[in-house]
C-alpha atoms as a PDB file:
ATOM      1  CA  MET A   1     -41.809-103.892  -6.397  1.00  0.00           C
ATOM      2  CA  ILE A   2     -44.501-102.520  -8.552  1.00  0.00           C
ATOM      3  CA  GLN A   3     -47.725-101.337  -6.641  1.00  0.00           C
ATOM      4  CA  VAL A   4     -50.720-101.596  -8.977  1.00  0.00           C
ATOM      5  CA  MET A   5     -53.378 -99.327  -8.071  1.00  0.00           C
ATOM      6  CA  PRO A   6     -57.021-100.432  -7.938  1.00  0.00           C
ATOM      7  CA  ASN A   7     -59.240 -98.762 -10.450  1.00  0.00           C
ATOM      8  CA  LEU A   8     -62.653 -97.184  -9.417  1.00  0.00           C
ATOM      9  CA  TYR A   9     -64.547 -99.831 -10.924  1.00  0.00           C
ATOM     10  CA  ASN A  10     -63.060-102.239  -8.324  1.00  0.00           C
ATOM     11  CA  VAL A  11     -64.840-100.193  -5.462  1.00  0.00           C
ATOM     12  CA  THR A  12     -68.211 -99.153  -7.235  1.00  0.00           C
ATOM     13  CA  LYS A  13     -68.633-102.155  -9.538  1.00  0.00           C
ATOM     14  CA  ASP A  14     -70.123 -99.294 -12.251  1.00  0.00           C
ATOM     15  CA  PRO A  15     -69.050-100.049 -15.507  1.00  0.00           C
ATOM     16  CA  GLN A  16     -68.589 -96.343 -16.373  1.00  0.00           C
ATOM     17  CA  ASP A  17     -65.707 -96.428 -13.626  1.00  0.00           C
ATOM     18  CA  VAL A  18     -63.592 -98.980 -15.531  1.00  0.00           C
ATOM     19  CA  GLY A  19     -60.311 -97.481 -16.034  1.00  0.00           C
ATOM     20  CA  LYS A  20     -60.612 -94.489 -13.891  1.00  0.00           C
ATOM     21  CA  PHE A  21     -57.661 -94.134 -11.391  1.00  0.00           C
ATOM     22  CA  ARG A  22     -56.862 -91.855  -8.448  1.00  0.00           C
ATOM     23  CA  THR A  23     -54.650 -89.179  -9.930  1.00  0.00           C
ATOM     24  CA  PRO A  24     -51.776 -88.581  -7.268  1.00  0.00           C
ATOM     25  CA  GLY A  25     -50.207 -85.192  -6.720  1.00  0.00           C
ATOM     26  CA  LEU A  26     -46.855 -84.005  -8.610  1.00  0.00           C
ATOM     27  CA  ARG A  27     -44.864 -83.373  -5.381  1.00  0.00           C
ATOM     28  CA  LYS A  28     -41.836 -85.906  -5.436  1.00  0.00           C
ATOM     29  CA  VAL A  29     -42.946 -87.333  -8.763  1.00  0.00           C
ATOM     30  CA  LEU A  30     -39.535 -87.952 -10.046  1.00  0.00           C
ATOM     31  CA  ARG A  31     -38.822 -90.270  -7.168  1.00  0.00           C
ATOM     32  CA  ILE A  32     -41.927 -92.579  -7.247  1.00  0.00           C
ATOM     33  CA  SER A  33     -41.304 -94.507 -10.484  1.00  0.00           C
ATOM     34  CA  PRO A  34     -42.460 -96.718 -12.021  1.00  0.00           C
ATOM     35  CA  TRP A  35     -45.334 -94.690 -13.397  1.00  0.00           C
ATOM     36  CA  PHE A  36     -49.080 -95.402 -14.583  1.00  0.00           C
ATOM     37  CA  HIS A  37     -51.371 -97.862 -12.671  1.00  0.00           C
ATOM     38  CA  ASN A  38     -49.514-100.926 -14.073  1.00  0.00           C
ATOM     39  CA  GLY A  39     -45.957 -99.575 -13.834  1.00  0.00           C
ATOM     40  CA  LEU A  40     -45.654 -99.433 -17.666  1.00  0.00           C
ATOM     41  CA  PHE A  41     -42.827 -96.865 -17.546  1.00  0.00           C
ATOM     42  CA  ASP A  42     -39.811 -96.338 -15.376  1.00  0.00           C
ATOM     43  CA  ASN A  43     -38.614 -93.130 -16.880  1.00  0.00           C
ATOM     44  CA  ILE A  44     -40.196 -89.612 -17.154  1.00  0.00           C
ATOM     45  CA  GLU A  45     -39.689 -89.269 -20.949  1.00  0.00           C
ATOM     46  CA  GLY A  46     -41.563 -92.413 -21.769  1.00  0.00           C
ATOM     47  CA  VAL A  47     -44.565 -90.805 -19.679  1.00  0.00           C
ATOM     48  CA  MET A  48     -44.068 -87.581 -21.347  1.00  0.00           C
ATOM     49  CA  ASN A  49     -43.971 -89.311 -24.760  1.00  0.00           C
ATOM     50  CA  MET A  50     -47.273 -91.325 -23.823  1.00  0.00           C
ATOM     51  CA  TYR A  51     -48.867 -88.298 -22.996  1.00  0.00           C
ATOM     52  CA  ASN A  52     -47.684 -86.112 -25.923  1.00  0.00           C
ATOM     53  CA  ASN A  53     -48.991 -88.808 -28.118  1.00  0.00           C
ATOM     54  CA  GLY A  54     -52.502 -88.729 -26.905  1.00  0.00           C
ATOM     55  CA  MET A  55     -52.429 -92.043 -25.110  1.00  0.00           C
ATOM     56  CA  PRO A  56     -53.453 -94.873 -27.623  1.00  0.00           C
ATOM     57  CA  GLN A  57     -56.812 -95.874 -27.850  1.00  0.00           C
ATOM     58  CA  PRO A  58     -57.293 -99.655 -26.899  1.00  0.00           C
ATOM     59  CA  LYS A  59     -58.449-101.684 -29.941  1.00  0.00           C
ATOM     60  CA  GLN A  60     -61.463-103.819 -29.212  1.00  0.00           C
ATOM     61  CA  LYS A  61     -61.523-107.417 -30.598  1.00  0.00           C
ATOM     62  CA  PRO A  62     -64.779-108.644 -32.032  1.00  0.00           C
ATOM     63  CA  ASP A  63     -65.782-110.448 -29.057  1.00  0.00           C
ATOM     64  CA  GLU A  64     -65.253-107.295 -26.746  1.00  0.00           C
ATOM     65  CA  LEU A  65     -67.773-104.962 -28.800  1.00  0.00           C
ATOM     66  CA  ASN A  66     -70.440-105.254 -26.486  1.00  0.00           C
ATOM     67  CA  ASP A  67     -68.474-105.591 -23.208  1.00  0.00           C
ATOM     68  CA  PRO A  68     -69.237-102.649 -20.709  1.00  0.00           C
ATOM     69  CA  LEU A  69     -66.159-103.406 -18.922  1.00  0.00           C
ATOM     70  CA  PHE A  70     -63.747-102.695 -21.890  1.00  0.00           C
ATOM     71  CA  PRO A  71     -61.513 -99.561 -20.741  1.00  0.00           C
ATOM     72  CA  LYS A  72     -62.129 -96.541 -22.957  1.00  0.00           C
ATOM     73  CA  THR A  73     -59.658 -93.509 -23.219  1.00  0.00           C
ATOM     74  CA  ASP A  74     -61.216 -90.413 -22.002  1.00  0.00           C
ATOM     75  CA  VAL A  75     -62.368 -87.850 -24.635  1.00  0.00           C
ATOM     76  CA  HIS A  76     -60.290 -85.065 -22.939  1.00  0.00           C
ATOM     77  CA  ILE A  77     -57.147 -86.840 -23.509  1.00  0.00           C
ATOM     78  CA  LYS A  78     -55.777 -85.435 -26.783  1.00  0.00           C
ATOM     79  CA  ARG A  79     -52.342 -85.173 -28.710  1.00  0.00           C
ATOM     80  CA  LEU A  80     -50.444 -82.340 -27.072  1.00  0.00           C
ATOM     81  CA  ASN A  81     -47.964 -81.894 -30.008  1.00  0.00           C
ATOM     82  CA  LEU A  82     -45.122 -80.661 -27.625  1.00  0.00           C
ATOM     83  CA  THR A  83     -41.651 -79.845 -28.827  1.00  0.00           C
ATOM     84  CA  LYS A  84     -38.691 -81.446 -27.196  1.00  0.00           C
ATOM     85  CA  ALA A  85     -37.761 -78.283 -25.565  1.00  0.00           C
ATOM     86  CA  GLU A  86     -41.498 -78.069 -24.205  1.00  0.00           C
ATOM     87  CA  ARG A  87     -41.150 -81.676 -22.825  1.00  0.00           C
ATOM     88  CA  ASP A  88     -37.739 -81.013 -21.251  1.00  0.00           C
ATOM     89  CA  ALA A  89     -39.448 -77.841 -19.700  1.00  0.00           C
ATOM     90  CA  ILE A  90     -42.013 -79.930 -18.122  1.00  0.00           C
ATOM     91  CA  ILE A  91     -39.404 -82.308 -16.794  1.00  0.00           C
ATOM     92  CA  SER A  92     -37.415 -79.449 -15.184  1.00  0.00           C
ATOM     93  CA  PHE A  93     -40.526 -78.029 -13.609  1.00  0.00           C
ATOM     94  CA  LEU A  94     -41.364 -81.860 -12.174  1.00  0.00           C
ATOM     95  CA  ALA A  95     -37.597 -81.911 -10.863  1.00  0.00           C
ATOM     96  CA  ALA A  96     -38.084 -78.592  -9.195  1.00  0.00           C
ATOM     97  CA  ILE A  97     -40.945 -79.772  -7.185  1.00  0.00           C
ATOM     98  CA  THR A  98     -39.491 -83.050  -6.431  1.00  0.00           C
ATOM     99  CA  THR A  99     -37.694 -83.055  -3.029  1.00  0.00           C
ATOM    100  CA  GLU A 100     -34.872 -85.184  -1.642  1.00  0.00           C
ATOM    101  CA  PRO A 101     -35.572 -87.827   0.732  1.00  0.00           C
ATOM    102  CA  TRP A 102     -35.691 -86.703   4.352  1.00  0.00           C
ATOM    103  CA  ARG A 103     -32.881 -87.983   6.619  1.00  0.00           C
ATOM    104  CA  ILE A 104     -34.238 -88.211  10.022  1.00  0.00           C
ATOM    105  CA  THR A 105     -32.206 -89.639  12.984  1.00  0.00           C
ATOM    106  CA  THR A 106     -33.887 -91.339  15.672  1.00  0.00           C
ATOM    107  CA  PRO A 107     -33.338 -89.496  18.797  1.00  0.00           C
ATOM    108  CA  GLU A 108     -31.691 -91.509  21.677  1.00  0.00           C
ATOM    109  CA  LEU A 109     -34.194 -91.797  24.665  1.00  0.00           C
ATOM    110  CA  PRO A 110     -33.211 -91.614  28.145  1.00  0.00           C
ATOM    111  CA  GLN A 111     -32.639 -94.823  29.928  1.00  0.00           C
END
Protein backbone atom coordinates (compact mmCIF):
# COMPACT_ATOMS: atom_id res chain seq x y z
CA MET A 1 0.00 0.00 0.00
CA ILE A 2 1.39 3.39 -0.99
CA GLN A 3 1.01 6.01 1.70
CA VAL A 4 0.70 9.46 0.12
CA MET A 5 2.06 12.23 2.33
CA PRO A 6 0.07 15.48 2.41
CA ASN A 7 1.99 18.55 1.38
CA LEU A 8 2.19 21.66 3.56
CA TYR A 9 -0.28 23.51 1.33
CA ASN A 10 -3.04 21.16 2.50
CA VAL A 11 -2.44 22.47 6.02
CA THR A 12 -1.70 26.19 5.46
CA LYS A 13 -3.56 26.88 2.18
CA ASP A 14 -0.66 29.24 1.33
CA PRO A 15 0.26 28.99 -2.40
CA GLN A 16 3.95 29.35 -1.40
CA ASP A 17 3.65 25.96 0.35
CA VAL A 18 2.58 23.95 -2.72
CA GLY A 19 4.90 20.98 -3.12
CA LYS A 20 6.53 21.31 0.29
CA PHE A 21 6.66 18.03 2.19
CA ARG A 22 8.05 16.95 5.53
CA THR A 23 11.44 15.33 5.05
CA PRO A 24 11.66 12.10 7.04
CA GLY A 25 14.85 10.99 8.79
CA LEU A 26 17.32 8.60 7.19
CA ARG A 27 17.34 5.87 9.84
CA LYS A 28 15.99 2.62 8.36
CA VAL A 29 15.44 4.45 5.06
CA LEU A 30 16.08 1.36 2.94
CA ARG A 31 13.17 -0.47 4.61
CA ILE A 32 10.49 2.15 3.94
CA SER A 33 10.00 2.01 0.19
CA PRO A 34 8.33 3.19 -1.96
CA TRP A 35 9.91 6.64 -1.84
CA PHE A 36 8.74 10.17 -2.62
CA HIS A 37 5.40 11.58 -1.58
CA ASN A 38 3.60 9.60 -4.28
CA GLY A 39 5.52 6.32 -4.13
CA LEU A 40 7.25 7.02 -7.45
CA PHE A 41 10.29 4.80 -6.76
CA ASP A 42 10.43 1.32 -5.29
CA ASN A 43 14.25 1.07 -5.45
CA ILE A 44 16.93 3.35 -4.01
CA GLU A 45 18.84 3.51 -7.31
CA GLY A 46 15.90 5.34 -8.90
CA VAL A 47 15.87 7.84 -6.04
CA MET A 48 19.63 8.40 -6.37
CA ASN A 49 19.33 8.91 -10.13
CA MET A 50 16.50 11.42 -9.67
CA TYR A 51 18.51 13.51 -7.21
CA ASN A 52 21.70 13.12 -9.25
CA ASN A 53 19.90 14.57 -12.29
CA GLY A 54 18.67 17.56 -10.30
CA MET A 55 14.98 16.65 -10.22
CA PRO A 56 13.22 17.55 -13.47
CA GLN A 57 11.37 20.84 -13.54
CA PRO A 58 7.64 20.41 -14.24
CA LYS A 59 6.55 22.00 -17.53
CA GLN A 60 3.64 24.41 -17.37
CA LYS A 61 0.90 24.25 -19.96
CA PRO A 62 -0.41 27.57 -21.30
CA ASP A 63 -3.47 27.45 -19.02
CA GLU A 64 -1.20 26.88 -15.98
CA LEU A 65 1.09 29.91 -16.47
CA ASN A 66 -0.69 32.07 -13.90
CA ASP A 67 -1.66 29.24 -11.55
CA PRO A 68 -0.25 30.05 -8.07
CA LEU A 69 -0.70 26.39 -7.10
CA PHE A 70 1.53 25.01 -9.88
CA PRO A 71 4.38 23.11 -8.15
CA LYS A 72 7.88 24.51 -8.57
CA THR A 73 11.17 22.74 -7.90
CA ASP A 74 13.22 24.55 -5.26
CA VAL A 75 16.14 26.61 -6.61
CA HIS A 76 18.50 24.82 -4.20
CA ILE A 77 17.96 21.46 -5.90
CA LYS A 78 20.65 21.16 -8.54
CA ARG A 79 22.29 18.42 -10.62
CA LEU A 80 24.82 16.55 -8.44
CA ASN A 81 26.92 14.92 -11.19
CA LEU A 82 27.90 12.02 -8.92
CA THR A 83 29.80 9.09 -10.36
CA LYS A 84 28.40 5.57 -10.04
CA ALA A 85 30.98 4.87 -7.32
CA GLU A 86 29.83 7.95 -5.37
CA ARG A 87 26.16 6.94 -5.70
CA ASP A 88 27.03 3.41 -4.56
CA ALA A 89 28.93 4.84 -1.56
CA ILE A 90 25.87 6.86 -0.52
CA ILE A 91 23.66 3.77 -0.85
CA SER A 92 26.18 1.81 1.26
CA PHE A 93 26.02 4.52 3.92
CA LEU A 94 22.22 4.36 3.92
CA ALA A 95 22.43 0.57 4.29
CA ALA A 96 24.76 1.05 7.28
CA ILE A 97 22.18 3.16 9.14
CA THR A 98 19.28 0.88 8.22
CA THR A 99 18.51 -1.52 11.03
CA GLU A 100 16.89 -4.91 10.86
CA PRO A 101 13.31 -5.11 12.14
CA TRP A 102 13.05 -5.93 15.83
CA ARG A 103 11.43 -9.21 16.75
CA ILE A 104 9.82 -8.76 20.10
CA THR A 105 7.98 -11.65 21.65
CA THR A 106 5.04 -10.83 23.80
CA PRO A 107 5.65 -11.99 27.36
CA GLU A 108 3.17 -14.42 28.85
CA LEU A 109 1.18 -12.79 31.59
CA PRO A 110 0.46 -14.65 34.83
CA GLN A 111 -2.99 -16.18 35.05
